[in-house]
Amino acid sequence: MSVTERPERPSRARRAFYAIPVIGWIARDIVEGGADNIYYLLVAVLSLWAIAVMTWGLPALAMPALALVPAIVVTLLLLTVGR
């Protein structure tokens, strides 16, 4: 980078999103960090899910499936329309 070039500054919305305590820190690490950060995130999410299942049992196992129902319905609608 030459002396006259300034580094690109993130937008105000991105800076506000990065300011959220846990979610923003993880998002910044994924975008600006190394390539392994996404795998650390996946391991952390799966570990938290396993802990929730061990703590609360079947309801914790079913909640992600219930949360994904709208996404599956939209996917099925898009497949039926032909997109």
PDB file of N, CA and C in Angstrom:
ATOM      1  N   MET A   1       0.849  -1.160   0.000  1.00  0.00           N
ATOM      2  CA  MET A   1       0.000   0.000   0.000  1.00  0.00           C
ATOM      3  C   MET A   1       0.894   1.222   0.000  1.00  0.00           C
ATOM      4  N   SER A   2       0.586   2.165  -0.857  1.00  0.00           N
ATOM      5  CA  SER A   2       1.407   3.370  -0.929  1.00  0.00           C
ATOM      6  C   SER A   2       1.005   4.351   0.169  1.00  0.00           C
ATOM      7  N   VAL A   3       1.754   5.414   0.280  1.00  0.00           N
ATOM      8  CA  VAL A   3       1.541   6.392   1.339  1.00  0.00           C
ATOM      9  C   VAL A   3       0.235   7.153   1.129  1.00  0.00           C
ATOM     10  N   THR A   4      -0.147   7.396  -0.104  1.00  0.00           N
ATOM     11  CA  THR A   4      -1.339   8.198  -0.380  1.00  0.00           C
ATOM     12  C   THR A   4      -2.634   7.415  -0.215  1.00  0.00           C
ATOM     13  N   GLU A   5      -2.590   6.097  -0.242  1.00  0.00           N
ATOM     14  CA  GLU A   5      -3.798   5.283  -0.106  1.00  0.00           C
ATOM     15  C   GLU A   5      -4.175   5.146   1.365  1.00  0.00           C
ATOM     16  N   ARG A   6      -5.457   5.269   1.613  1.00  0.00           N
ATOM     17  CA  ARG A   6      -5.943   5.040   2.964  1.00  0.00           C
ATOM     18  C   ARG A   6      -6.623   3.675   3.011  1.00  0.00           C
ATOM     19  N   PRO A   7      -6.500   2.969   4.123  1.00  0.00           N
ATOM     20  CA  PRO A   7      -7.187   1.674   4.203  1.00  0.00           C
ATOM     21  C   PRO A   7      -8.696   1.874   4.179  1.00  0.00           C
ATOM     22  N   GLU A   8      -9.382   0.915   3.582  1.00  0.00           N
ATOM     23  CA  GLU A   8     -10.832   1.010   3.469  1.00  0.00           C
ATOM     24  C   GLU A   8     -11.461   0.854   4.845  1.00  0.00           C
ATOM     25  N   ARG A   9     -12.310   1.795   5.202  1.00  0.00           N
ATOM     26  CA  ARG A   9     -12.955   1.783   6.504  1.00  0.00           C
ATOM     27  C   ARG A   9     -14.315   1.099   6.368  1.00  0.00           C
ATOM     28  N   PRO A  10     -14.653   0.211   7.322  1.00  0.00           N
ATOM     29  CA  PRO A  10     -15.953  -0.464   7.217  1.00  0.00           C
ATOM     30  C   PRO A  10     -17.107   0.521   7.353  1.00  0.00           C
ATOM     31  N   SER A  11     -18.239   0.158   6.788  1.00  0.00           N
ATOM     32  CA  SER A  11     -19.408   1.029   6.832  1.00  0.00           C
ATOM     33  C   SER A  11     -19.916   1.175   8.266  1.00  0.00           C
ATOM     34  N   ARG A  12     -20.778   2.142   8.456  1.00  0.00           N
ATOM     35  CA  ARG A  12     -21.326   2.396   9.795  1.00  0.00           C
ATOM     36  C   ARG A  12     -22.153   1.209  10.279  1.00  0.00           C
ATOM     37  N   ALA A  13     -22.902   0.585   9.382  1.00  0.00           N
ATOM     38  CA  ALA A  13     -23.718  -0.569   9.764  1.00  0.00           C
ATOM     39  C   ALA A  13     -22.836  -1.743  10.177  1.00  0.00           C
ATOM     40  N   ARG A  14     -21.760  -1.961   9.431  1.00  0.00           N
ATOM     41  CA  ARG A  14     -20.853  -3.060   9.772  1.00  0.00           C
ATOM     42  C   ARG A  14     -20.169  -2.804  11.107  1.00  0.00           C
ATOM     43  N   ARG A  15     -19.756  -1.557  11.348  1.00  0.00           N
ATOM     44  CA  ARG A  15     -19.131  -1.236  12.631  1.00  0.00           C
ATOM     45  C   ARG A  15     -20.119  -1.413  13.772  1.00  0.00           C
ATOM     46  N   ALA A  16     -21.388  -1.049  13.548  1.00  0.00           N
ATOM     47  CA  ALA A  16     -22.406  -1.230  14.588  1.00  0.00           C
ATOM     48  C   ALA A  16     -22.646  -2.717  14.850  1.00  0.00           C
ATOM     49  N   PHE A  17     -22.654  -3.524  13.790  1.00  0.00           N
ATOM     50  CA  PHE A  17     -22.837  -4.967  13.960  1.00  0.00           C
ATOM     51  C   PHE A  17     -21.653  -5.574  14.700  1.00  0.00           C
ATOM     52  N   TYR A  18     -20.443  -5.138  14.373  1.00  0.00           N
ATOM     53  CA  TYR A  18     -19.251  -5.639  15.053  1.00  0.00           C
ATOM     54  C   TYR A  18     -19.201  -5.212  16.516  1.00  0.00           C
ATOM     55  N   ALA A  19     -19.943  -4.184  16.897  1.00  0.00           N
ATOM     56  CA  ALA A  19     -19.940  -3.703  18.274  1.00  0.00           C
ATOM     57  C   ALA A  19     -20.819  -4.558  19.193  1.00  0.00           C
ATOM     58  N   ILE A  20     -21.652  -5.422  18.642  1.00  0.00           N
ATOM     59  CA  ILE A  20     -22.469  -6.320  19.467  1.00  0.00           C
ATOM     60  C   ILE A  20     -21.514  -7.277  20.175  1.00  0.00           C
ATOM     61  N   PRO A  21     -21.627  -7.408  21.504  1.00  0.00           N
ATOM     62  CA  PRO A  21     -20.602  -8.102  22.269  1.00  0.00           C
ATOM     63  C   PRO A  21     -20.157  -9.463  21.752  1.00  0.00           C
ATOM     64  N   VAL A  22     -20.952 -10.472  21.685  1.00  0.00           N
ATOM     65  CA  VAL A  22     -20.457 -11.799  21.325  1.00  0.00           C
ATOM     66  C   VAL A  22     -20.609 -12.067  19.833  1.00  0.00           C
ATOM     67  N   ILE A  23     -21.775 -11.775  19.286  1.00  0.00           N
ATOM     68  CA  ILE A  23     -22.049 -12.065  17.877  1.00  0.00           C
ATOM     69  C   ILE A  23     -21.149 -11.241  16.967  1.00  0.00           C
ATOM     70  N   GLY A  24     -20.967  -9.979  17.277  1.00  0.00           N
ATOM     71  CA  GLY A  24     -20.118  -9.120  16.460  1.00  0.00           C
ATOM     72  C   GLY A  24     -18.656  -9.537  16.494  1.00  0.00           C
ATOM     73  N   TRP A  25     -18.198  -9.964  17.659  1.00  0.00           N
ATOM     74  CA  TRP A  25     -16.805 -10.410  17.763  1.00  0.00           C
ATOM     75  C   TRP A  25     -16.576 -11.657  16.913  1.00  0.00           C
ATOM     76  N   ILE A  26     -17.509 -12.583  16.971  1.00  0.00           N
ATOM     77  CA  ILE A  26     -17.377 -13.800  16.179  1.00  0.00           C
ATOM     78  C   ILE A  26     -17.444 -13.476  14.688  1.00  0.00           C
ATOM     79  N   ALA A  27     -18.369 -12.594  14.294  1.00  0.00           N
ATOM     80  CA  ALA A  27     -18.495 -12.220  12.883  1.00  0.00           C
ATOM     81  C   ALA A  27     -17.218 -11.545  12.384  1.00  0.00           C
ATOM     82  N   ARG A  28     -16.626 -10.662  13.180  1.00  0.00           N
ATOM     83  CA  ARG A  28     -15.388 -10.007  12.771  1.00  0.00           C
ATOM     84  C   ARG A  28     -14.257 -11.019  12.640  1.00  0.00           C
ATOM     85  N   ASP A  29     -14.179 -11.979  13.552  1.00  0.00           N
ATOM     86  CA  ASP A  29     -13.143 -13.000  13.457  1.00  0.00           C
ATOM     87  C   ASP A  29     -13.302 -13.840  12.202  1.00  0.00           C
ATOM     88  N   ILE A  30     -14.548 -14.141  11.838  1.00  0.00           N
ATOM     89  CA  ILE A  30     -14.769 -14.958  10.643  1.00  0.00           C
ATOM     90  C   ILE A  30     -14.391 -14.179   9.382  1.00  0.00           C
ATOM     91  N   VAL A  31     -14.785 -12.895   9.320  1.00  0.00           N
ATOM     92  CA  VAL A  31     -14.540 -12.098   8.119  1.00  0.00           C
ATOM     93  C   VAL A  31     -13.067 -11.705   7.997  1.00  0.00           C
ATOM     94  N   GLU A  32     -12.481 -11.227   9.080  1.00  0.00           N
ATOM     95  CA  GLU A  32     -11.137 -10.670   9.009  1.00  0.00           C
ATOM     96  C   GLU A  32     -10.059 -11.611   9.511  1.00  0.00           C
ATOM     97  N   GLY A  33     -10.425 -12.696  10.146  1.00  0.00           N
ATOM     98  CA  GLY A  33      -9.455 -13.595  10.746  1.00  0.00           C
ATOM     99  C   GLY A  33      -8.997 -14.680   9.785  1.00  0.00           C
ATOM    100  N   GLY A  34      -8.425 -15.710  10.375  1.00  0.00           N
ATOM    101  CA  GLY A  34      -7.910 -16.823   9.586  1.00  0.00           C
ATOM    102  C   GLY A  34      -9.027 -17.714   9.057  1.00  0.00           C
ATOM    103  N   ALA A  35      -8.635 -18.658   8.238  1.00  0.00           N
ATOM    104  CA  ALA A  35      -9.606 -19.553   7.610  1.00  0.00           C
ATOM    105  C   ALA A  35     -10.162 -20.583   8.591  1.00  0.00           C
ATOM    106  N   ASP A  36      -9.479 -20.819   9.705  1.00  0.00           N
ATOM    107  CA  ASP A  36      -9.928 -21.829  10.660  1.00  0.00           C
ATOM    108  C   ASP A  36     -11.021 -21.332  11.593  1.00  0.00           C
ATOM    109  N   ASN A  37     -11.288 -20.042  11.616  1.00  0.00           N
ATOM    110  CA  ASN A  37     -12.256 -19.498  12.567  1.00  0.00           C
ATOM    111  C   ASN A  37     -13.659 -20.041  12.363  1.00  0.00           C
ATOM    112  N   ILE A  38     -14.055 -20.337  11.141  1.00  0.00           N
ATOM    113  CA  ILE A  38     -15.389 -20.873  10.891  1.00  0.00           C
ATOM    114  C   ILE A  38     -15.538 -22.258  11.520  1.00  0.00           C
ATOM    115  N   TYR A  39     -14.464 -23.032  11.521  1.00  0.00           N
ATOM    116  CA  TYR A  39     -14.517 -24.361  12.132  1.00  0.00           C
ATOM    117  C   TYR A  39     -14.621 -24.260  13.647  1.00  0.00           C
ATOM    118  N   TYR A  40     -13.932 -23.302  14.242  1.00  0.00           N
ATOM    119  CA  TYR A  40     -14.049 -23.080  15.681  1.00  0.00           C
ATOM    120  C   TYR A  40     -15.478 -22.688  16.037  1.00  0.00           C
ATOM    121  N   LEU A  41     -16.109 -21.862  15.206  1.00  0.00           N
ATOM    122  CA  LEU A  41     -17.494 -21.468  15.444  1.00  0.00           C
ATOM    123  C   LEU A  41     -18.419 -22.680  15.370  1.00  0.00           C
ATOM    124  N   LEU A  42     -18.242 -23.529  14.362  1.00  0.00           N
ATOM    125  CA  LEU A  42     -19.082 -24.718  14.230  1.00  0.00           C
ATOM    126  C   LEU A  42     -18.931 -25.654  15.423  1.00  0.00           C
ATOM    127  N   VAL A  43     -17.704 -25.849  15.886  1.00  0.00           N
ATOM    128  CA  VAL A  43     -17.465 -26.702  17.052  1.00  0.00           C
ATOM    129  C   VAL A  43     -18.120 -26.094  18.293  1.00  0.00           C
ATOM    130  N   ALA A  44     -18.032 -24.782  18.451  1.00  0.00           N
ATOM    131  CA  ALA A  44     -18.642 -24.121  19.607  1.00  0.00           C
ATOM    132  C   ALA A  44     -20.158 -24.253  19.579  1.00  0.00           C
ATOM    133  N   VAL A  45     -20.776 -24.051  18.408  1.00  0.00           N
ATOM    134  CA  VAL A  45     -22.239 -24.152  18.308  1.00  0.00           C
ATOM    135  C   VAL A  45     -22.699 -25.582  18.561  1.00  0.00           C
ATOM    136  N   LEU A  46     -22.012 -26.556  17.990  1.00  0.00           N
ATOM    137  CA  LEU A  46     -22.387 -27.958  18.226  1.00  0.00           C
ATOM    138  C   LEU A  46     -22.186 -28.353  19.682  1.00  0.00           C
ATOM    139  N   SER A  47     -21.142 -27.838  20.311  1.00  0.00           N
ATOM    140  CA  SER A  47     -20.916 -28.126  21.726  1.00  0.00           C
ATOM    141  C   SER A  47     -22.017 -27.531  22.590  1.00  0.00           C
ATOM    142  N   LEU A  48     -22.407 -26.287  22.295  1.00  0.00           N
ATOM    143  CA  LEU A  48     -23.499 -25.673  23.050  1.00  0.00           C
ATOM    144  C   LEU A  48     -24.805 -26.432  22.861  1.00  0.00           C
ATOM    145  N   TRP A  49     -25.038 -26.913  21.652  1.00  0.00           N
ATOM    146  CA  TRP A  49     -26.248 -27.691  21.400  1.00  0.00           C
ATOM    147  C   TRP A  49     -26.209 -29.011  22.177  1.00  0.00           C
ATOM    148  N   ALA A  50     -25.061 -29.669  22.197  1.00  0.00           N
ATOM    149  CA  ALA A  50     -24.928 -30.922  22.956  1.00  0.00           C
ATOM    150  C   ALA A  50     -25.136 -30.679  24.450  1.00  0.00           C
ATOM    151  N   ILE A  51     -24.599 -29.589  24.975  1.00  0.00           N
ATOM    152  CA  ILE A  51     -24.793 -29.256  26.387  1.00  0.00           C
ATOM    153  C   ILE A  51     -26.271 -28.989  26.665  1.00  0.00           C
ATOM    154  N   ALA A  52     -26.941 -28.292  25.751  1.00  0.00           N
ATOM    155  CA  ALA A  52     -28.373 -28.021  25.928  1.00  0.00           C
ATOM    156  C   ALA A  52     -29.181 -29.314  25.920  1.00  0.00           C
ATOM    157  N   VAL A  53     -28.826 -30.246  25.044  1.00  0.00           N
ATOM    158  CA  VAL A  53     -29.548 -31.526  24.995  1.00  0.00           C
ATOM    159  C   VAL A  53     -29.295 -32.318  26.271  1.00  0.00           C
ATOM    160  N   MET A  54     -28.069 -32.290  26.771  1.00  0.00           N
ATOM    161  CA  MET A  54     -27.771 -33.001  28.014  1.00  0.00           C
ATOM    162  C   MET A  54     -28.490 -32.360  29.199  1.00  0.00           C
ATOM    163  N   THR A  55     -28.702 -31.044  29.143  1.00  0.00           N
ATOM    164  CA  THR A  55     -29.344 -30.349  30.254  1.00  0.00           C
ATOM    165  C   THR A  55     -30.862 -30.470  30.190  1.00  0.00           C
ATOM    166  N   TRP A  56     -31.464 -30.168  29.041  1.00  0.00           N
ATOM    167  CA  TRP A  56     -32.913 -30.094  28.937  1.00  0.00           C
ATOM    168  C   TRP A  56     -33.534 -31.258  28.175  1.00  0.00           C
ATOM    169  N   GLY A  57     -32.753 -32.091  27.555  1.00  0.00           N
ATOM    170  CA  GLY A  57     -33.269 -33.287  26.904  1.00  0.00           C
ATOM    171  C   GLY A  57     -33.895 -33.038  25.542  1.00  0.00           C
ATOM    172  N   LEU A  58     -35.004 -33.736  25.301  1.00  0.00           N
ATOM    173  CA  LEU A  58     -35.656 -33.728  23.993  1.00  0.00           C
ATOM    174  C   LEU A  58     -36.126 -32.353  23.525  1.00  0.00           C
ATOM    175  N   PRO A  59     -36.636 -31.464  24.388  1.00  0.00           N
ATOM    176  CA  PRO A  59     -37.025 -30.138  23.889  1.00  0.00           C
ATOM    177  C   PRO A  59     -35.861 -29.371  23.259  1.00  0.00           C
ATOM    178  N   ALA A  60     -34.678 -29.478  23.834  1.00  0.00           N
ATOM    179  CA  ALA A  60     -33.508 -28.800  23.259  1.00  0.00           C
ATOM    180  C   ALA A  60     -33.101 -29.438  21.940  1.00  0.00           C
ATOM    181  N   LEU A  61     -33.389 -30.705  21.768  1.00  0.00           N
ATOM    182  CA  LEU A  61     -33.082 -31.375  20.509  1.00  0.00           C
ATOM    183  C   LEU A  61     -34.065 -30.975  19.413  1.00  0.00           C
ATOM    184  N   ALA A  62     -35.320 -30.695  19.784  1.00  0.00           N
ATOM    185  CA  ALA A  62     -36.352 -30.378  18.808  1.00  0.00           C
ATOM    186  C   ALA A  62     -36.393 -28.901  18.417  1.00  0.00           C
ATOM    187  N   MET A  63     -35.903 -28.008  19.269  1.00  0.00           N
ATOM    188  CA  MET A  63     -36.000 -26.567  18.998  1.00  0.00           C
ATOM    189  C   MET A  63     -35.306 -26.137  17.689  1.00  0.00           C
ATOM    190  N   PRO A  64     -34.097 -26.592  17.371  1.00  0.00           N
ATOM    191  CA  PRO A  64     -33.510 -26.193  16.075  1.00  0.00           C
ATOM    192  C   PRO A  64     -34.343 -26.668  14.880  1.00  0.00           C
ATOM    193  N   ALA A  65     -34.947 -27.851  14.996  1.00  0.00           N
ATOM    194  CA  ALA A  65     -35.790 -28.341  13.904  1.00  0.00           C
ATOM    195  C   ALA A  65     -37.018 -27.452  13.740  1.00  0.00           C
ATOM    196  N   LEU A  66     -37.618 -27.036  14.840  1.00  0.00           N
ATOM    197  CA  LEU A  66     -38.774 -26.147  14.755  1.00  0.00           C
ATOM    198  C   LEU A  66     -38.383 -24.772  14.224  1.00  0.00           C
ATOM    199  N   ALA A  67     -37.192 -24.326  14.557  1.00  0.00           N
ATOM    200  CA  ALA A  67     -36.734 -23.017  14.077  1.00  0.00           C
ATOM    201  C   ALA A  67     -36.467 -23.039  12.569  1.00  0.00           C
ATOM    202  N   LEU A  68     -36.127 -24.201  12.021  1.00  0.00           N
ATOM    203  CA  LEU A  68     -35.819 -24.304  10.596  1.00  0.00           C
ATOM    204  C   LEU A  68     -37.046 -24.572   9.719  1.00  0.00           C
ATOM    205  N   VAL A  69     -38.212 -24.766  10.308  1.00  0.00           N
ATOM    206  CA  VAL A  69     -39.421 -25.046   9.531  1.00  0.00           C
ATOM    207  C   VAL A  69     -39.717 -23.949   8.503  1.00  0.00           C
ATOM    208  N   PRO A  70     -39.679 -22.650   8.853  1.00  0.00           N
ATOM    209  CA  PRO A  70     -39.942 -21.634   7.819  1.00  0.00           C
ATOM    210  C   PRO A  70     -38.952 -21.679   6.655  1.00  0.00           C
ATOM    211  N   ALA A  71     -37.689 -21.952   6.942  1.00  0.00           N
ATOM    212  CA  ALA A  71     -36.695 -22.027   5.871  1.00  0.00           C
ATOM    213  C   ALA A  71     -36.984 -23.204   4.943  1.00  0.00           C
ATOM    214  N   ILE A  72     -37.391 -24.319   5.496  1.00  0.00           N
ATOM    215  CA  ILE A  72     -37.705 -25.486   4.682  1.00  0.00           C
ATOM    216  C   ILE A  72     -38.957 -25.238   3.837  1.00  0.00           C
ATOM    217  N   VAL A  73     -39.953 -24.565   4.411  1.00  0.00           N
ATOM    218  CA  VAL A  73     -41.174 -24.257   3.655  1.00  0.00           C
ATOM    219  C   VAL A  73     -40.846 -23.332   2.487  1.00  0.00           C
ATOM    220  N   VAL A  74     -40.036 -22.309   2.726  1.00  0.00           N
ATOM    221  CA  VAL A  74     -39.644 -21.402   1.638  1.00  0.00           C
ATOM    222  C   VAL A  74     -38.857 -22.160   0.576  1.00  0.00           C
ATOM    223  N   THR A  75     -37.965 -23.042   0.984  1.00  0.00           N
ATOM    224  CA  THR A  75     -37.203 -23.846   0.022  1.00  0.00           C
ATOM    225  C   THR A  75     -38.128 -24.716  -0.818  1.00  0.00           C
ATOM    226  N   LEU A  76     -39.095 -25.350  -0.191  1.00  0.00           N
ATOM    227  CA  LEU A  76     -40.035 -26.189  -0.942  1.00  0.00           C
ATOM    228  C   LEU A  76     -40.879 -25.367  -1.905  1.00  0.00           C
ATOM    229  N   LEU A  77     -41.293 -24.174  -1.474  1.00  0.00           N
ATOM    230  CA  LEU A  77     -42.049 -23.308  -2.374  1.00  0.00           C
ATOM    231  C   LEU A  77     -41.204 -22.877  -3.574  1.00  0.00           C
ATOM    232  N   LEU A  78     -39.956 -22.535  -3.333  1.00  0.00           N
ATOM    233  CA  LEU A  78     -39.080 -22.130  -4.443  1.00  0.00           C
ATOM    234  C   LEU A  78     -38.811 -23.294  -5.390  1.00  0.00           C
ATOM    235  N   LEU A  79     -38.691 -24.487  -4.842  1.00  0.00           N
ATOM    236  CA  LEU A  79     -38.497 -25.660  -5.710  1.00  0.00           C
ATOM    237  C   LEU A  79     -39.738 -25.931  -6.551  1.00  0.00           C
ATOM    238  N   THR A  80     -40.910 -25.726  -5.960  1.00  0.00           N
ATOM    239  CA  THR A  80     -42.131 -25.987  -6.722  1.00  0.00           C
ATOM    240  C   THR A  80     -42.343 -24.973  -7.829  1.00  0.00           C
ATOM    241  N   VAL A  81     -41.970 -23.734  -7.570  1.00  0.00           N
ATOM    242  CA  VAL A  81     -42.117 -22.693  -8.574  1.00  0.00           C
ATOM    243  C   VAL A  81     -41.101 -22.893  -9.702  1.00  0.00           C
ATOM    244  N   GLY A  82     -39.968 -23.469  -9.369  1.00  0.00           N
ATOM    245  CA  GLY A  82     -38.952 -23.741 -10.384  1.00  0.00           C
ATOM    246  C   GLY A  82     -37.759 -22.825 -10.317  1.00  0.00           C
ATOM    247  N   ARG A  83     -37.542 -22.181  -9.218  1.00  0.00           N
ATOM    248  CA  ARG A  83     -36.377 -21.292  -9.080  1.00  0.00           C
ATOM    249  C   ARG A  83     -35.232 -21.960  -8.421  1.00  0.00           C
TER     250      ARG A  83
END
